[in-house]
PDB file of N, CA and C in Angstrom:
ATOM      1  N   UNK A   1     182.620  91.863  48.881  1.00  0.00           N
ATOM      2  CA  UNK A   1     182.834  90.442  49.134  1.00  0.00           C
ATOM      3  C   UNK A   1     182.089  89.827  47.315  1.00  0.00           C
ATOM      4  N   UNK A   2     182.159  89.514  46.784  1.00  0.00           N
ATOM      5  CA  UNK A   2     181.302  88.258  46.237  1.00  0.00           C
ATOM      6  C   UNK A   2     181.158  86.159  46.704  1.00  0.00           C
ATOM      7  N   UNK A   3     180.083  86.137  47.015  1.00  0.00           N
ATOM      8  CA  UNK A   3     179.981  84.394  47.653  1.00  0.00           C
ATOM      9  C   UNK A   3     179.629  83.944  46.758  1.00  0.00           C
ATOM     10  N   UNK A   4     179.687  81.950  46.833  1.00  0.00           N
ATOM     11  CA  UNK A   4     179.805  81.257  45.938  1.00  0.00           C
ATOM     12  C   UNK A   4     179.668  80.240  46.274  1.00  0.00           C
ATOM     13  N   UNK A   5     179.026  79.682  46.284  1.00  0.00           N
ATOM     14  CA  UNK A   5     178.718  77.740  47.005  1.00  0.00           C
ATOM     15  C   UNK A   5     178.964  76.833  45.651  1.00  0.00           C
ATOM     16  N   UNK A   6     179.678  76.007  46.161  1.00  0.00           N
ATOM     17  CA  UNK A   6     179.451  74.810  44.410  1.00  0.00           C
ATOM     18  C   UNK A   6     178.785  73.714  45.469  1.00  0.00           C
ATOM     19  N   UNK A   7     177.212  74.346  44.327  1.00  0.00           N
ATOM     20  CA  UNK A   7     176.137  72.960  44.870  1.00  0.00           C
ATOM     21  C   UNK A   7     176.474  71.640  44.506  1.00  0.00           C
ATOM     22  N   UNK A   8     177.501  71.225  44.168  1.00  0.00           N
ATOM     23  CA  UNK A   8     178.020  70.156  43.153  1.00  0.00           C
ATOM     24  C   UNK A   8     178.642  69.741  44.569  1.00  0.00           C
ATOM     25  N   UNK A   9     179.804  70.605  45.280  1.00  0.00           N
ATOM     26  CA  UNK A   9     180.171  69.928  46.809  1.00  0.00           C
ATOM     27  C   UNK A   9     178.959  69.943  47.747  1.00  0.00           C
ATOM     28  N   UNK A  10     177.960  71.526  47.452  1.00  0.00           N
ATOM     29  CA  UNK A  10     177.531  71.280  49.219  1.00  0.00           C
ATOM     30  C   UNK A  10     176.408  70.332  49.043  1.00  0.00           C
ATOM     31  N   UNK A  11     176.285  69.553  50.803  1.00  0.00           N
ATOM     32  CA  UNK A  11     175.600  68.789  51.320  1.00  0.00           C
ATOM     33  C   UNK A  11     174.455  68.742  52.082  1.00  0.00           C
ATOM     34  N   UNK A  12     174.735  70.048  52.246  1.00  0.00           N
ATOM     35  CA  UNK A  12     173.195  71.200  53.255  1.00  0.00           C
ATOM     36  C   UNK A  12     173.470  70.358  54.381  1.00  0.00           C
ATOM     37  N   UNK A  13     174.460  70.605  55.388  1.00  0.00           N
ATOM     38  CA  UNK A  13     174.565  69.675  56.394  1.00  0.00           C
ATOM     39  C   UNK A  13     174.565  71.880  57.117  1.00  0.00           C
ATOM     40  N   UNK A  14     174.473  72.625  56.964  1.00  0.00           N
ATOM     41  CA  UNK A  14     174.092  73.797  57.466  1.00  0.00           C
ATOM     42  C   UNK A  14     174.605  74.643  58.018  1.00  0.00           C
ATOM     43  N   UNK A  15     175.657  74.212  58.701  1.00  0.00           N
ATOM     44  CA  UNK A  15     176.051  75.121  59.846  1.00  0.00           C
ATOM     45  C   UNK A  15     176.750  76.541  59.142  1.00  0.00           C
ATOM     46  N   UNK A  16     176.553  77.076  58.062  1.00  0.00           N
ATOM     47  CA  UNK A  16     176.675  78.364  57.644  1.00  0.00           C
ATOM     48  C   UNK A  16     175.534  78.711  57.675  1.00  0.00           C
ATOM     49  N   UNK A  17     174.199  78.042  57.711  1.00  0.00           N
ATOM     50  CA  UNK A  17     173.265  78.578  57.641  1.00  0.00           C
ATOM     51  C   UNK A  17     172.370  79.517  59.441  1.00  0.00           C
ATOM     52  N   UNK A  18     173.935  78.260  60.456  1.00  0.00           N
ATOM     53  CA  UNK A  18     173.548  78.969  61.701  1.00  0.00           C
ATOM     54  C   UNK A  18     175.167  79.951  62.017  1.00  0.00           C
ATOM     55  N   UNK A  19     176.252  80.253  60.960  1.00  0.00           N
ATOM     56  CA  UNK A  19     177.001  81.366  61.345  1.00  0.00           C
ATOM     57  C   UNK A  19     176.599  82.710  60.268  1.00  0.00           C
ATOM     58  N   UNK A  20     175.635  82.556  59.485  1.00  0.00           N
ATOM     59  CA  UNK A  20     175.336  83.792  58.998  1.00  0.00           C
ATOM     60  C   UNK A  20     173.732  83.809  58.557  1.00  0.00           C
ATOM     61  N   UNK A  21     173.170  83.306  59.388  1.00  0.00           N
ATOM     62  CA  UNK A  21     171.468  83.263  58.627  1.00  0.00           C
ATOM     63  C   UNK A  21     171.854  84.505  57.828  1.00  0.00           C
ATOM     64  N   UNK A  22     171.702  86.294  57.992  1.00  0.00           N
ATOM     65  CA  UNK A  22     171.432  87.316  57.416  1.00  0.00           C
ATOM     66  C   UNK A  22     172.415  86.698  55.570  1.00  0.00           C
ATOM     67  N   UNK A  23     172.438  85.587  55.562  1.00  0.00           N
ATOM     68  CA  UNK A  23     173.802  85.732  54.025  1.00  0.00           C
ATOM     69  C   UNK A  23     172.842  84.294  52.914  1.00  0.00           C
ATOM     70  N   UNK A  24     172.818  82.983  54.429  1.00  0.00           N
ATOM     71  CA  UNK A  24     172.571  81.098  53.790  1.00  0.00           C
ATOM     72  C   UNK A  24     170.908  80.727  55.121  1.00  0.00           C
ATOM     73  N   UNK A  25     170.459  80.424  54.660  1.00  0.00           N
ATOM     74  CA  UNK A  25     169.290  79.951  54.263  1.00  0.00           C
ATOM     75  C   UNK A  25     169.156  78.563  53.679  1.00  0.00           C
ATOM     76  N   UNK A  26     168.080  77.879  54.390  1.00  0.00           N
ATOM     77  CA  UNK A  26     167.815  76.595  53.670  1.00  0.00           C
ATOM     78  C   UNK A  26     166.380  76.987  53.120  1.00  0.00           C
ATOM     79  N   UNK A  27     165.398  76.246  51.862  1.00  0.00           N
ATOM     80  CA  UNK A  27     164.271  77.409  51.546  1.00  0.00           C
ATOM     81  C   UNK A  27     163.604  75.580  51.459  1.00  0.00           C
ATOM     82  N   UNK A  28     162.300  75.800  51.462  1.00  0.00           N
ATOM     83  CA  UNK A  28     161.121  74.603  51.711  1.00  0.00           C
ATOM     84  C   UNK A  28     161.890  73.611  50.869  1.00  0.00           C
ATOM     85  N   UNK A  29     162.655  73.251  50.156  1.00  0.00           N
ATOM     86  CA  UNK A  29     163.435  71.887  49.872  1.00  0.00           C
ATOM     87  C   UNK A  29     164.460  71.874  50.598  1.00  0.00           C
ATOM     88  N   UNK A  30     164.526  72.222  51.294  1.00  0.00           N
ATOM     89  CA  UNK A  30     166.097  71.725  51.910  1.00  0.00           C
ATOM     90  C   UNK A  30     166.881  72.601  50.657  1.00  0.00           C
ATOM     91  N   UNK A  31     166.573  72.863  50.617  1.00  0.00           N
ATOM     92  CA  UNK A  31     168.011  73.470  49.429  1.00  0.00           C
ATOM     93  C   UNK A  31     168.419  75.224  49.709  1.00  0.00           C
ATOM     94  N   UNK A  32     170.127  74.946  49.650  1.00  0.00           N
ATOM     95  CA  UNK A  32     170.348  75.831  50.592  1.00  0.00           C
ATOM     96  C   UNK A  32     170.746  76.817  49.076  1.00  0.00           C
ATOM     97  N   UNK A  33     169.613  78.219  50.249  1.00  0.00           N
ATOM     98  CA  UNK A  33     169.588  79.521  49.177  1.00  0.00           C
ATOM     99  C   UNK A  33     171.103  80.575  49.787  1.00  0.00           C
ATOM    100  N   UNK A  34     171.338  81.558  49.522  1.00  0.00           N
ATOM    101  CA  UNK A  34     172.109  82.431  49.902  1.00  0.00           C
ATOM    102  C   UNK A  34     172.449  83.368  48.340  1.00  0.00           C
ATOM    103  N   UNK A  35     172.881  84.552  50.224  1.00  0.00           N
ATOM    104  CA  UNK A  35     172.646  86.206  49.260  1.00  0.00           C
ATOM    105  C   UNK A  35     174.243  86.164  48.578  1.00  0.00           C
ATOM    106  N   UNK A  36     174.256  86.435  47.596  1.00  0.00           N
ATOM    107  CA  UNK A  36     175.040  86.271  47.005  1.00  0.00           C
ATOM    108  C   UNK A  36     176.240  87.217  47.009  1.00  0.00           C
ATOM    109  N   UNK A  37     176.204  88.491  47.106  1.00  0.00           N
ATOM    110  CA  UNK A  37     176.366  89.956  47.160  1.00  0.00           C
ATOM    111  C   UNK A  37     176.314  90.447  49.107  1.00  0.00           C
ATOM    112  N   UNK A  38     176.481  89.791  49.851  1.00  0.00           N
ATOM    113  CA  UNK A  38     176.459  90.372  50.921  1.00  0.00           C
ATOM    114  C   UNK A  38     176.954  91.842  51.906  1.00  0.00           C
ATOM    115  N   UNK A  39     176.303  92.408  52.368  1.00  0.00           N
ATOM    116  CA  UNK A  39     177.272  93.747  53.324  1.00  0.00           C
ATOM    117  C   UNK A  39     178.445  93.254  53.661  1.00  0.00           C
ATOM    118  N   UNK A  40     179.130  94.413  53.245  1.00  0.00           N
ATOM    119  CA  UNK A  40     180.727  94.237  54.046  1.00  0.00           C
ATOM    120  C   UNK A  40     180.450  93.829  55.381  1.00  0.00           C
ATOM    121  N   UNK A  41     179.543  94.737  56.323  1.00  0.00           N
ATOM    122  CA  UNK A  41     179.833  94.464  57.286  1.00  0.00           C
ATOM    123  C   UNK A  41     179.568  93.023  58.632  1.00  0.00           C
ATOM    124  N   UNK A  42     178.908  92.382  57.168  1.00  0.00           N
ATOM    125  CA  UNK A  42     178.411  90.503  57.551  1.00  0.00           C
ATOM    126  C   UNK A  42     179.985  89.658  56.786  1.00  0.00           C
ATOM    127  N   UNK A  43     180.538  90.653  56.880  1.00  0.00           N
ATOM    128  CA  UNK A  43     181.969  89.699  56.386  1.00  0.00           C
ATOM    129  C   UNK A  43     182.843  88.547  57.612  1.00  0.00           C
ATOM    130  N   UNK A  44     182.491  89.345  59.009  1.00  0.00           N
ATOM    131  CA  UNK A  44     183.591  88.145  59.601  1.00  0.00           C
ATOM    132  C   UNK A  44     182.016  86.635  59.678  1.00  0.00           C
ATOM    133  N   UNK A  45     180.741  87.041  59.666  1.00  0.00           N
ATOM    134  CA  UNK A  45     179.871  86.327  59.719  1.00  0.00           C
ATOM    135  C   UNK A  45     180.137  85.280  58.701  1.00  0.00           C
ATOM    136  N   UNK A  46     180.158  85.838  57.769  1.00  0.00           N
ATOM    137  CA  UNK A  46     180.955  84.534  56.290  1.00  0.00           C
ATOM    138  C   UNK A  46     182.118  84.606  55.989  1.00  0.00           C
ATOM    139  N   UNK A  47     182.644  84.888  56.580  1.00  0.00           N
ATOM    140  CA  UNK A  47     184.214  83.925  57.017  1.00  0.00           C
ATOM    141  C   UNK A  47     183.953  82.668  57.841  1.00  0.00           C
ATOM    142  N   UNK A  48     183.376  83.015  58.751  1.00  0.00           N
ATOM    143  CA  UNK A  48     183.365  81.488  59.429  1.00  0.00           C
ATOM    144  C   UNK A  48     182.066  81.500  59.272  1.00  0.00           C
ATOM    145  N   UNK A  49     181.295  81.243  58.017  1.00  0.00           N
ATOM    146  CA  UNK A  49     180.149  80.069  57.552  1.00  0.00           C
ATOM    147  C   UNK A  49     181.356  79.341  57.019  1.00  0.00           C
ATOM    148  N   UNK A  50     181.998  80.225  55.732  1.00  0.00           N
ATOM    149  CA  UNK A  50     183.646  79.396  55.230  1.00  0.00           C
ATOM    150  C   UNK A  50     184.123  78.848  56.169  1.00  0.00           C
ATOM    151  N   UNK A  51     184.874  78.946  56.949  1.00  0.00           N
ATOM    152  CA  UNK A  51     185.226  78.217  57.449  1.00  0.00           C
ATOM    153  C   UNK A  51     184.355  76.916  58.359  1.00  0.00           C
ATOM    154  N   UNK A  52     183.162  76.873  58.769  1.00  0.00           N
ATOM    155  CA  UNK A  52     182.741  75.632  59.275  1.00  0.00           C
ATOM    156  C   UNK A  52     181.745  74.747  58.640  1.00  0.00           C
ATOM    157  N   UNK A  53     182.170  74.908  56.751  1.00  0.00           N
ATOM    158  CA  UNK A  53     181.808  74.226  55.758  1.00  0.00           C
ATOM    159  C   UNK A  53     182.004  73.321  56.503  1.00  0.00           C
ATOM    160  N   UNK A  54     181.575  71.960  56.312  1.00  0.00           N
ATOM    161  CA  UNK A  54     182.515  70.493  56.339  1.00  0.00           C
ATOM    162  C   UNK A  54     183.052  70.395  55.168  1.00  0.00           C
ATOM    163  N   UNK A  55     182.570  70.508  54.071  1.00  0.00           N
ATOM    164  CA  UNK A  55     183.500  69.936  52.132  1.00  0.00           C
ATOM    165  C   UNK A  55     183.500  71.649  51.878  1.00  0.00           C
ATOM    166  N   UNK A  56     184.222  72.403  52.502  1.00  0.00           N
ATOM    167  CA  UNK A  56     184.826  74.247  51.982  1.00  0.00           C
ATOM    168  C   UNK A  56     183.952  74.338  50.161  1.00  0.00           C
ATOM    169  N   UNK A  57     182.602  74.167  50.473  1.00  0.00           N
ATOM    170  CA  UNK A  57     181.722  74.711  49.182  1.00  0.00           C
ATOM    171  C   UNK A  57     181.442  75.787  48.932  1.00  0.00           C
ATOM    172  N   UNK A  58     181.798  77.343  50.310  1.00  0.00           N
ATOM    173  CA  UNK A  58     181.989  78.910  49.710  1.00  0.00           C
ATOM    174  C   UNK A  58     183.216  79.055  49.975  1.00  0.00           C
ATOM    175  N   UNK A  59     182.664  79.603  48.538  1.00  0.00           N
ATOM    176  CA  UNK A  59     184.297  80.784  47.978  1.00  0.00           C
ATOM    177  C   UNK A  59     183.729  81.865  48.411  1.00  0.00           C
ATOM    178  N   UNK A  60     184.508  82.723  49.687  1.00  0.00           N
ATOM    179  CA  UNK A  60     184.677  83.731  48.857  1.00  0.00           C
ATOM    180  C   UNK A  60     185.218  84.939  47.871  1.00  0.00           C
ATOM    181  N   UNK A  61     185.308  85.730  46.899  1.00  0.00           N
ATOM    182  CA  UNK A  61     186.035  86.407  46.562  1.00  0.00           C
ATOM    183  C   UNK A  61     186.197  88.100  46.372  1.00  0.00           C
ATOM    184  N   UNK A  62     187.316  88.498  46.838  1.00  0.00           N
ATOM    185  CA  UNK A  62     187.513  89.901  46.842  1.00  0.00           C
ATOM    186  C   UNK A  62     187.532  89.900  48.175  1.00  0.00           C
ATOM    187  N   UNK A  63     187.833  89.353  48.924  1.00  0.00           N
ATOM    188  CA  UNK A  63     188.551  89.112  50.064  1.00  0.00           C
ATOM    189  C   UNK A  63     190.526  90.079  50.664  1.00  0.00           C
TER     190      UNK A  63
END
């Protein structure tokens, strides 16, 4: 699975950080950072994060 976040859409509301903190985080400047190739075991959390994104900025590939 690959994760891509469209940073042009992302408004850093951060529900993804709460849904999948192993994959998504906010850096020291409150910018979203993420693991583009998380372990398959994290798939349910990543799918929840993508669903929770209010602007649908998270794209999952290889699902």
